[in-house]
Amino acid sequence: MRNTSFELIGRGRFADAEKLLDLAEKDYPRGLVQR
């Protein structure tokens, strides 16, 4: 998740990165993933 979303941010594909972050935050509601 974090590598893919970071790569998408670098490419300017913010909406796609946000979708991945939404999924990650839902699946891991605490800890390192949230940070």
PDB file of all heavy atoms in Angstrom:
ATOM      1  N   MET A   1       0.823  -1.194   0.000  1.00  0.00           N
ATOM      2  CA  MET A   1       0.000   0.000   0.000  1.00  0.00           C
ATOM      3  C   MET A   1       0.857   1.244   0.000  1.00  0.00           C
ATOM      4  O   MET A   1       0.733   2.087  -0.863  1.00  0.00           O
ATOM      5  CB  MET A   1      -0.923  -0.035   1.225  1.00  0.00           C
ATOM      6  CG  MET A   1      -1.713   1.213   1.520  1.00  0.00           C
ATOM      7  SD  MET A   1      -1.019   2.724   2.284  1.00  0.00           S
ATOM      8  CE  MET A   1      -0.319   2.223   3.794  1.00  0.00           C
ATOM      9  N   ARG A   2       1.752   1.376   0.984  1.00  0.00           N
ATOM     10  CA  ARG A   2       2.445   2.654   1.129  1.00  0.00           C
ATOM     11  C   ARG A   2       3.385   2.952  -0.021  1.00  0.00           C
ATOM     12  O   ARG A   2       3.532   4.099  -0.413  1.00  0.00           O
ATOM     13  CB  ARG A   2       3.154   2.746   2.470  1.00  0.00           C
ATOM     14  CG  ARG A   2       4.280   1.783   2.652  1.00  0.00           C
ATOM     15  CD  ARG A   2       4.853   1.932   4.032  1.00  0.00           C
ATOM     16  NE  ARG A   2       5.829   0.891   4.235  1.00  0.00           N
ATOM     17  CZ  ARG A   2       6.346   0.595   5.369  1.00  0.00           C
ATOM     18  NH1 ARG A   2       5.999   1.270   6.435  1.00  0.00           N
ATOM     19  NH2 ARG A   2       7.223  -0.360   5.484  1.00  0.00           N
ATOM     20  N   ASN A   3       4.005   1.926  -0.579  1.00  0.00           N
ATOM     21  CA  ASN A   3       4.881   2.176  -1.725  1.00  0.00           C
ATOM     22  C   ASN A   3       4.067   2.551  -2.960  1.00  0.00           C
ATOM     23  O   ASN A   3       4.442   3.457  -3.700  1.00  0.00           O
ATOM     24  CB  ASN A   3       5.759   0.964  -2.010  1.00  0.00           C
ATOM     25  CG  ASN A   3       6.797   0.746  -0.940  1.00  0.00           C
ATOM     26  OD1 ASN A   3       7.205   1.679  -0.257  1.00  0.00           O
ATOM     27  ND2 ASN A   3       7.226  -0.486  -0.782  1.00  0.00           N
ATOM     28  N   THR A   4       2.973   1.845  -3.187  1.00  0.00           N
ATOM     29  CA  THR A   4       2.141   2.134  -4.350  1.00  0.00           C
ATOM     30  C   THR A   4       1.518   3.516  -4.240  1.00  0.00           C
ATOM     31  O   THR A   4       1.541   4.298  -5.197  1.00  0.00           O
ATOM     32  CB  THR A   4       1.049   1.063  -4.515  1.00  0.00           C
ATOM     33  OG1 THR A   4       1.670  -0.222  -4.614  1.00  0.00           O
ATOM     34  CG2 THR A   4       0.220   1.321  -5.762  1.00  0.00           C
ATOM     35  N   SER A   5       0.974   3.834  -3.086  1.00  0.00           N
ATOM     36  CA  SER A   5       0.346   5.150  -2.928  1.00  0.00           C
ATOM     37  C   SER A   5       1.396   6.253  -3.030  1.00  0.00           C
ATOM     38  O   SER A   5       1.146   7.298  -3.641  1.00  0.00           O
ATOM     39  CB  SER A   5      -0.429   5.248  -1.617  1.00  0.00           C
ATOM     40  OG  SER A   5       0.404   4.980  -0.514  1.00  0.00           O
ATOM     41  N   PHE A   6       2.572   6.040  -2.487  1.00  0.00           N
ATOM     42  CA  PHE A   6       3.643   7.037  -2.582  1.00  0.00           C
ATOM     43  C   PHE A   6       4.057   7.244  -4.034  1.00  0.00           C
ATOM     44  O   PHE A   6       4.274   8.377  -4.479  1.00  0.00           O
ATOM     45  CB  PHE A   6       4.839   6.624  -1.722  1.00  0.00           C
ATOM     46  CG  PHE A   6       5.888   7.674  -1.605  1.00  0.00           C
ATOM     47  CD1 PHE A   6       5.653   8.834  -0.885  1.00  0.00           C
ATOM     48  CD2 PHE A   6       7.118   7.512  -2.211  1.00  0.00           C
ATOM     49  CE1 PHE A   6       6.623   9.817  -0.780  1.00  0.00           C
ATOM     50  CE2 PHE A   6       8.096   8.486  -2.114  1.00  0.00           C
ATOM     51  CZ  PHE A   6       7.840   9.648  -1.395  1.00  0.00           C
ATOM     52  N   GLU A   7       4.138   6.160  -4.787  1.00  0.00           N
ATOM     53  CA  GLU A   7       4.470   6.263  -6.208  1.00  0.00           C
ATOM     54  C   GLU A   7       3.391   7.043  -6.961  1.00  0.00           C
ATOM     55  O   GLU A   7       3.692   7.878  -7.809  1.00  0.00           O
ATOM     56  CB  GLU A   7       4.628   4.870  -6.819  1.00  0.00           C
ATOM     57  CG  GLU A   7       4.985   4.895  -8.294  1.00  0.00           C
ATOM     58  CD  GLU A   7       5.102   3.500  -8.879  1.00  0.00           C
ATOM     59  OE1 GLU A   7       5.436   2.559  -8.143  1.00  0.00           O
ATOM     60  OE2 GLU A   7       4.840   3.375 -10.083  1.00  0.00           O
ATOM     61  N   LEU A   8       2.138   6.777  -6.631  1.00  0.00           N
ATOM     62  CA  LEU A   8       1.034   7.504  -7.275  1.00  0.00           C
ATOM     63  C   LEU A   8       1.094   8.998  -6.948  1.00  0.00           C
ATOM     64  O   LEU A   8       0.826   9.831  -7.814  1.00  0.00           O
ATOM     65  CB  LEU A   8      -0.306   6.909  -6.852  1.00  0.00           C
ATOM     66  CG  LEU A   8      -0.626   5.522  -7.415  1.00  0.00           C
ATOM     67  CD1 LEU A   8      -1.819   4.916  -6.698  1.00  0.00           C
ATOM     68  CD2 LEU A   8      -0.844   5.582  -8.914  1.00  0.00           C
ATOM     69  N   ILE A   9       1.445   9.328  -5.727  1.00  0.00           N
ATOM     70  CA  ILE A   9       1.589  10.737  -5.346  1.00  0.00           C
ATOM     71  C   ILE A   9       2.674  11.381  -6.203  1.00  0.00           C
ATOM     72  O   ILE A   9       2.495  12.483  -6.727  1.00  0.00           O
ATOM     73  CB  ILE A   9       1.912  10.879  -3.848  1.00  0.00           C
ATOM     74  CG1 ILE A   9       0.727  10.421  -3.000  1.00  0.00           C
ATOM     75  CG2 ILE A   9       2.295  12.329  -3.511  1.00  0.00           C
ATOM     76  CD1 ILE A   9       1.049  10.225  -1.529  1.00  0.00           C
ATOM     77  N   GLY A  10       3.779  10.702  -6.366  1.00  0.00           N
ATOM     78  CA  GLY A  10       4.872  11.216  -7.178  1.00  0.00           C
ATOM     79  C   GLY A  10       4.475  11.448  -8.622  1.00  0.00           C
ATOM     80  O   GLY A  10       5.010  12.339  -9.294  1.00  0.00           O
ATOM     81  N   ARG A  11       3.532  10.674  -9.101  1.00  0.00           N
ATOM     82  CA  ARG A  11       3.050  10.824 -10.477  1.00  0.00           C
ATOM     83  C   ARG A  11       1.902  11.824 -10.602  1.00  0.00           C
ATOM     84  O   ARG A  11       1.382  12.039 -11.692  1.00  0.00           O
ATOM     85  CB  ARG A  11       2.577   9.475 -11.013  1.00  0.00           C
ATOM     86  CG  ARG A  11       3.686   8.482 -11.198  1.00  0.00           C
ATOM     87  CD  ARG A  11       3.120   7.191 -11.703  1.00  0.00           C
ATOM     88  NE  ARG A  11       4.179   6.230 -11.933  1.00  0.00           N
ATOM     89  CZ  ARG A  11       4.020   5.134 -12.614  1.00  0.00           C
ATOM     90  NH1 ARG A  11       2.844   4.842 -13.151  1.00  0.00           N
ATOM     91  NH2 ARG A  11       5.021   4.299 -12.784  1.00  0.00           N
ATOM     92  N   GLY A  12       1.514  12.400  -9.476  1.00  0.00           N
ATOM     93  CA  GLY A  12       0.415  13.364  -9.505  1.00  0.00           C
ATOM     94  C   GLY A  12      -0.956  12.731  -9.544  1.00  0.00           C
ATOM     95  O   GLY A  12      -1.954  13.420  -9.790  1.00  0.00           O
ATOM     96  N   ARG A  13      -1.038  11.450  -9.283  1.00  0.00           N
ATOM     97  CA  ARG A  13      -2.323  10.739  -9.312  1.00  0.00           C
ATOM     98  C   ARG A  13      -2.895  10.678  -7.888  1.00  0.00           C
ATOM     99  O   ARG A  13      -3.001   9.628  -7.267  1.00  0.00           O
ATOM    100  CB  ARG A  13      -2.134   9.352  -9.915  1.00  0.00           C
ATOM    101  CG  ARG A  13      -1.732   9.427 -11.395  1.00  0.00           C
ATOM    102  CD  ARG A  13      -1.437   8.090 -12.005  1.00  0.00           C
ATOM    103  NE  ARG A  13      -2.524   7.135 -11.794  1.00  0.00           N
ATOM    104  CZ  ARG A  13      -2.405   5.828 -12.009  1.00  0.00           C
ATOM    105  NH1 ARG A  13      -1.256   5.325 -12.464  1.00  0.00           N
ATOM    106  NH2 ARG A  13      -3.423   5.017 -11.796  1.00  0.00           N
ATOM    107  N   PHE A  14      -3.257  11.846  -7.394  1.00  0.00           N
ATOM    108  CA  PHE A  14      -3.661  11.987  -6.007  1.00  0.00           C
ATOM    109  C   PHE A  14      -4.930  11.217  -5.662  1.00  0.00           C
ATOM    110  O   PHE A  14      -5.020  10.594  -4.610  1.00  0.00           O
ATOM    111  CB  PHE A  14      -3.832  13.465  -5.653  1.00  0.00           C
ATOM    112  CG  PHE A  14      -2.615  14.298  -5.934  1.00  0.00           C
ATOM    113  CD1 PHE A  14      -2.743  15.564  -6.456  1.00  0.00           C
ATOM    114  CD2 PHE A  14      -1.341  13.828  -5.669  1.00  0.00           C
ATOM    115  CE1 PHE A  14      -1.628  16.345  -6.715  1.00  0.00           C
ATOM    116  CE2 PHE A  14      -0.217  14.598  -5.925  1.00  0.00           C
ATOM    117  CZ  PHE A  14      -0.365  15.858  -6.448  1.00  0.00           C
ATOM    118  N   ALA A  15      -5.924  11.256  -6.528  1.00  0.00           N
ATOM    119  CA  ALA A  15      -7.184  10.558  -6.244  1.00  0.00           C
ATOM    120  C   ALA A  15      -6.965   9.054  -6.128  1.00  0.00           C
ATOM    121  O   ALA A  15      -7.538   8.401  -5.246  1.00  0.00           O
ATOM    122  CB  ALA A  15      -8.218  10.873  -7.325  1.00  0.00           C
ATOM    123  N   ASP A  16      -6.124   8.504  -6.990  1.00  0.00           N
ATOM    124  CA  ASP A  16      -5.827   7.068  -6.918  1.00  0.00           C
ATOM    125  C   ASP A  16      -5.078   6.738  -5.627  1.00  0.00           C
ATOM    126  O   ASP A  16      -5.359   5.718  -4.980  1.00  0.00           O
ATOM    127  CB  ASP A  16      -4.992   6.628  -8.119  1.00  0.00           C
ATOM    128  CG  ASP A  16      -5.765   6.698  -9.429  1.00  0.00           C
ATOM    129  OD1 ASP A  16      -7.011   6.593  -9.406  1.00  0.00           O
ATOM    130  OD2 ASP A  16      -5.112   6.864 -10.482  1.00  0.00           O
ATOM    131  N   ALA A  17      -4.156   7.594  -5.248  1.00  0.00           N
ATOM    132  CA  ALA A  17      -3.411   7.386  -3.998  1.00  0.00           C
ATOM    133  C   ALA A  17      -4.367   7.453  -2.804  1.00  0.00           C
ATOM    134  O   ALA A  17      -4.278   6.622  -1.887  1.00  0.00           O
ATOM    135  CB  ALA A  17      -2.309   8.422  -3.859  1.00  0.00           C
ATOM    136  N   GLU A  18      -5.274   8.403  -2.836  1.00  0.00           N
ATOM    137  CA  GLU A  18      -6.233   8.536  -1.737  1.00  0.00           C
ATOM    138  C   GLU A  18      -7.132   7.313  -1.606  1.00  0.00           C
ATOM    139  O   GLU A  18      -7.467   6.907  -0.488  1.00  0.00           O
ATOM    140  CB  GLU A  18      -7.068   9.799  -1.919  1.00  0.00           C
ATOM    141  CG  GLU A  18      -6.277  11.057  -1.630  1.00  0.00           C
ATOM    142  CD  GLU A  18      -7.009  12.323  -1.996  1.00  0.00           C
ATOM    143  OE1 GLU A  18      -7.712  12.350  -3.039  1.00  0.00           O
ATOM    144  OE2 GLU A  18      -6.867  13.295  -1.244  1.00  0.00           O
ATOM    145  N   LYS A  19      -7.502   6.711  -2.713  1.00  0.00           N
ATOM    146  CA  LYS A  19      -8.316   5.490  -2.653  1.00  0.00           C
ATOM    147  C   LYS A  19      -7.559   4.373  -1.943  1.00  0.00           C
ATOM    148  O   LYS A  19      -8.130   3.652  -1.115  1.00  0.00           O
ATOM    149  CB  LYS A  19      -8.716   5.042  -4.060  1.00  0.00           C
ATOM    150  CG  LYS A  19      -9.766   5.923  -4.700  1.00  0.00           C
ATOM    151  CD  LYS A  19     -10.070   5.479  -6.123  1.00  0.00           C
ATOM    152  CE  LYS A  19     -10.981   6.464  -6.818  1.00  0.00           C
ATOM    153  NZ  LYS A  19     -11.184   6.146  -8.232  1.00  0.00           N
ATOM    154  N   LEU A  20      -6.285   4.224  -2.272  1.00  0.00           N
ATOM    155  CA  LEU A  20      -5.472   3.206  -1.594  1.00  0.00           C
ATOM    156  C   LEU A  20      -5.325   3.517  -0.110  1.00  0.00           C
ATOM    157  O   LEU A  20      -5.390   2.622   0.735  1.00  0.00           O
ATOM    158  CB  LEU A  20      -4.093   3.105  -2.237  1.00  0.00           C
ATOM    159  CG  LEU A  20      -4.014   2.416  -3.583  1.00  0.00           C
ATOM    160  CD1 LEU A  20      -2.580   2.452  -4.104  1.00  0.00           C
ATOM    161  CD2 LEU A  20      -4.491   0.974  -3.484  1.00  0.00           C
ATOM    162  N   LEU A  21      -5.115   4.786   0.202  1.00  0.00           N
ATOM    163  CA  LEU A  21      -4.986   5.177   1.609  1.00  0.00           C
ATOM    164  C   LEU A  21      -6.285   4.933   2.363  1.00  0.00           C
ATOM    165  O   LEU A  21      -6.260   4.478   3.514  1.00  0.00           O
ATOM    166  CB  LEU A  21      -4.553   6.643   1.709  1.00  0.00           C
ATOM    167  CG  LEU A  21      -3.153   6.947   1.186  1.00  0.00           C
ATOM    168  CD1 LEU A  21      -2.905   8.445   1.169  1.00  0.00           C
ATOM    169  CD2 LEU A  21      -2.090   6.226   1.981  1.00  0.00           C
ATOM    170  N   ASP A  22      -7.415   5.194   1.731  1.00  0.00           N
ATOM    171  CA  ASP A  22      -8.719   4.928   2.357  1.00  0.00           C
ATOM    172  C   ASP A  22      -8.845   3.455   2.722  1.00  0.00           C
ATOM    173  O   ASP A  22      -9.274   3.111   3.826  1.00  0.00           O
ATOM    174  CB  ASP A  22      -9.871   5.321   1.426  1.00  0.00           C
ATOM    175  CG  ASP A  22     -10.029   6.817   1.246  1.00  0.00           C
ATOM    176  OD1 ASP A  22      -9.468   7.599   2.050  1.00  0.00           O
ATOM    177  OD2 ASP A  22     -10.711   7.215   0.269  1.00  0.00           O
ATOM    178  N   LEU A  23      -8.470   2.600   1.788  1.00  0.00           N
ATOM    179  CA  LEU A  23      -8.555   1.148   2.044  1.00  0.00           C
ATOM    180  C   LEU A  23      -7.618   0.729   3.166  1.00  0.00           C
ATOM    181  O   LEU A  23      -7.995  -0.043   4.046  1.00  0.00           O
ATOM    182  CB  LEU A  23      -8.216   0.368   0.772  1.00  0.00           C
ATOM    183  CG  LEU A  23      -9.233   0.432  -0.357  1.00  0.00           C
ATOM    184  CD1 LEU A  23      -8.671  -0.233  -1.620  1.00  0.00           C
ATOM    185  CD2 LEU A  23     -10.538  -0.237   0.065  1.00  0.00           C
ATOM    186  N   ALA A  24      -6.411   1.234   3.129  1.00  0.00           N
ATOM    187  CA  ALA A  24      -5.425   0.867   4.150  1.00  0.00           C
ATOM    188  C   ALA A  24      -5.875   1.322   5.533  1.00  0.00           C
ATOM    189  O   ALA A  24      -5.776   0.575   6.508  1.00  0.00           O
ATOM    190  CB  ALA A  24      -4.072   1.469   3.807  1.00  0.00           C
ATOM    191  N   GLU A  25      -6.381   2.546   5.608  1.00  0.00           N
ATOM    192  CA  GLU A  25      -6.831   3.066   6.903  1.00  0.00           C
ATOM    193  C   GLU A  25      -8.038   2.295   7.430  1.00  0.00           C
ATOM    194  O   GLU A  25      -8.176   2.107   8.636  1.00  0.00           O
ATOM    195  CB  GLU A  25      -7.167   4.546   6.780  1.00  0.00           C
ATOM    196  CG  GLU A  25      -5.932   5.413   6.629  1.00  0.00           C
ATOM    197  CD  GLU A  25      -6.256   6.858   6.335  1.00  0.00           C
ATOM    198  OE1 GLU A  25      -7.149   7.123   5.503  1.00  0.00           O
ATOM    199  OE2 GLU A  25      -5.608   7.707   6.947  1.00  0.00           O
ATOM    200  N   LYS A  26      -8.884   1.836   6.525  1.00  0.00           N
ATOM    201  CA  LYS A  26     -10.041   1.044   6.936  1.00  0.00           C
ATOM    202  C   LYS A  26      -9.596  -0.319   7.463  1.00  0.00           C
ATOM    203  O   LYS A  26     -10.088  -0.795   8.485  1.00  0.00           O
ATOM    204  CB  LYS A  26     -10.993   0.867   5.753  1.00  0.00           C
ATOM    205  CG  LYS A  26     -12.234   0.086   6.074  1.00  0.00           C
ATOM    206  CD  LYS A  26     -13.113  -0.077   4.858  1.00  0.00           C
ATOM    207  CE  LYS A  26     -14.282  -0.981   5.175  1.00  0.00           C
ATOM    208  NZ  LYS A  26     -15.013  -1.368   3.973  1.00  0.00           N
ATOM    209  N   ASP A  27      -8.648  -0.945   6.762  1.00  0.00           N
ATOM    210  CA  ASP A  27      -8.178  -2.273   7.156  1.00  0.00           C
ATOM    211  C   ASP A  27      -7.289  -2.252   8.396  1.00  0.00           C
ATOM    212  O   ASP A  27      -7.221  -3.236   9.134  1.00  0.00           O
ATOM    213  CB  ASP A  27      -7.417  -2.929   6.008  1.00  0.00           C
ATOM    214  CG  ASP A  27      -8.319  -3.317   4.845  1.00  0.00           C
ATOM    215  OD1 ASP A  27      -9.556  -3.374   5.027  1.00  0.00           O
ATOM    216  OD2 ASP A  27      -7.785  -3.557   3.741  1.00  0.00           O
ATOM    217  N   TYR A  28      -6.586  -1.152   8.616  1.00  0.00           N
ATOM    218  CA  TYR A  28      -5.659  -1.028   9.744  1.00  0.00           C
ATOM    219  C   TYR A  28      -5.945   0.278  10.482  1.00  0.00           C
ATOM    220  O   TYR A  28      -5.262   1.280  10.281  1.00  0.00           O
ATOM    221  CB  TYR A  28      -4.208  -1.045   9.252  1.00  0.00           C
ATOM    222  CG  TYR A  28      -3.853  -2.305   8.514  1.00  0.00           C
ATOM    223  CD1 TYR A  28      -3.934  -2.361   7.120  1.00  0.00           C
ATOM    224  CD2 TYR A  28      -3.465  -3.447   9.204  1.00  0.00           C
ATOM    225  CE1 TYR A  28      -3.624  -3.526   6.437  1.00  0.00           C
ATOM    226  CE2 TYR A  28      -3.155  -4.614   8.526  1.00  0.00           C
ATOM    227  CZ  TYR A  28      -3.239  -4.644   7.142  1.00  0.00           C
ATOM    228  OH  TYR A  28      -2.940  -5.800   6.461  1.00  0.00           O
ATOM    229  N   PRO A  29      -6.959   0.275  11.339  1.00  0.00           N
ATOM    230  CA  PRO A  29      -7.410   1.523  11.961  1.00  0.00           C
ATOM    231  C   PRO A  29      -6.477   2.111  13.027  1.00  0.00           C
ATOM    232  O   PRO A  29      -6.765   3.161  13.573  1.00  0.00           O
ATOM    233  CB  PRO A  29      -8.759   1.141  12.568  1.00  0.00           C
ATOM    234  CG  PRO A  29      -8.668  -0.324  12.802  1.00  0.00           C
ATOM    235  CD  PRO A  29      -7.785  -0.867  11.722  1.00  0.00           C
ATOM    236  N   ARG A  30      -5.357   1.456  13.303  1.00  0.00           N
ATOM    237  CA  ARG A  30      -4.424   1.972  14.306  1.00  0.00           C
ATOM    238  C   ARG A  30      -2.991   1.796  13.859  1.00  0.00           C
ATOM    239  O   ARG A  30      -2.694   1.051  12.945  1.00  0.00           O
ATOM    240  CB  ARG A  30      -4.583   1.202  15.621  1.00  0.00           C
ATOM    241  CG  ARG A  30      -5.791   1.575  16.368  1.00  0.00           C
ATOM    242  CD  ARG A  30      -5.855   0.798  17.636  1.00  0.00           C
ATOM    243  NE  ARG A  30      -7.177   0.306  17.515  1.00  0.00           N
ATOM    244  CZ  ARG A  30      -7.746  -0.767  17.977  1.00  0.00           C
ATOM    245  NH1 ARG A  30      -7.207  -1.486  18.645  1.00  0.00           N
ATOM    246  NH2 ARG A  30      -8.938  -1.132  17.785  1.00  0.00           N
ATOM    247  N   GLY A  31      -2.129   2.484  14.533  1.00  0.00           N
ATOM    248  CA  GLY A  31      -0.711   2.227  14.426  1.00  0.00           C
ATOM    249  C   GLY A  31       0.009   2.820  13.235  1.00  0.00           C
ATOM    250  O   GLY A  31      -0.330   3.888  12.726  1.00  0.00           O
ATOM    251  N   LEU A  32       1.015   2.076  12.786  1.00  0.00           N
ATOM    252  CA  LEU A  32       1.942   2.557  11.773  1.00  0.00           C
ATOM    253  C   LEU A  32       1.261   2.905  10.457  1.00  0.00           C
ATOM    254  O   LEU A  32       1.586   3.926   9.842  1.00  0.00           O
ATOM    255  CB  LEU A  32       3.045   1.515  11.535  1.00  0.00           C
ATOM    256  CG  LEU A  32       4.121   1.898  10.538  1.00  0.00           C
ATOM    257  CD1 LEU A  32       4.859   3.149  10.994  1.00  0.00           C
ATOM    258  CD2 LEU A  32       5.098   0.739  10.352  1.00  0.00           C
ATOM    259  N   VAL A  33       0.309   2.110  10.016  1.00  0.00           N
ATOM    260  CA  VAL A  33      -0.375   2.391   8.754  1.00  0.00           C
ATOM    261  C   VAL A  33      -1.075   3.747   8.823  1.00  0.00           C
ATOM    262  O   VAL A  33      -1.038   4.523   7.870  1.00  0.00           O
ATOM    263  CB  VAL A  33      -1.366   1.265   8.385  1.00  0.00           C
ATOM    264  CG1 VAL A  33      -2.230   1.662   7.199  1.00  0.00           C
ATOM    265  CG2 VAL A  33      -0.608  -0.020   8.083  1.00  0.00           C
ATOM    266  N   GLN A  34      -1.681   4.048   9.949  1.00  0.00           N
ATOM    267  CA  GLN A  34      -2.334   5.343  10.116  1.00  0.00           C
ATOM    268  C   GLN A  34      -1.327   6.487  10.034  1.00  0.00           C
ATOM    269  O   GLN A  34      -1.598   7.526   9.435  1.00  0.00           O
ATOM    270  CB  GLN A  34      -3.074   5.394  11.458  1.00  0.00           C
ATOM    271  CG  GLN A  34      -4.242   4.442  11.544  1.00  0.00           C
ATOM    272  CD  GLN A  34      -5.365   4.820  10.613  1.00  0.00           C
ATOM    273  OE1 GLN A  34      -5.748   5.978  10.532  1.00  0.00           O
ATOM    274  NE2 GLN A  34      -5.917   3.842   9.915  1.00  0.00           N
ATOM    275  N   ARG A  35      -0.153   6.285  10.617  1.00  0.00           N
ATOM    276  CA  ARG A  35       0.884   7.322  10.574  1.00  0.00           C
ATOM    277  C   ARG A  35       1.383   7.530   9.150  1.00  0.00           C
ATOM    278  O   ARG A  35       1.501   8.657   8.686  1.00  0.00           O
ATOM    279  CB  ARG A  35       2.039   6.935  11.489  1.00  0.00           C
ATOM    280  CG  ARG A  35       3.091   8.026  11.581  1.00  0.00           C
ATOM    281  CD  ARG A  35       4.157   7.678  12.578  1.00  0.00           C
ATOM    282  NE  ARG A  35       3.583   7.687  13.898  1.00  0.00           N
ATOM    283  CZ  ARG A  35       4.176   8.191  14.971  1.00  0.00           C
ATOM    284  NH1 ARG A  35       5.361   8.745  14.865  1.00  0.00           N
ATOM    285  NH2 ARG A  35       3.612   8.152  16.140  1.00  0.00           N
TER     286      ARG A  35
END
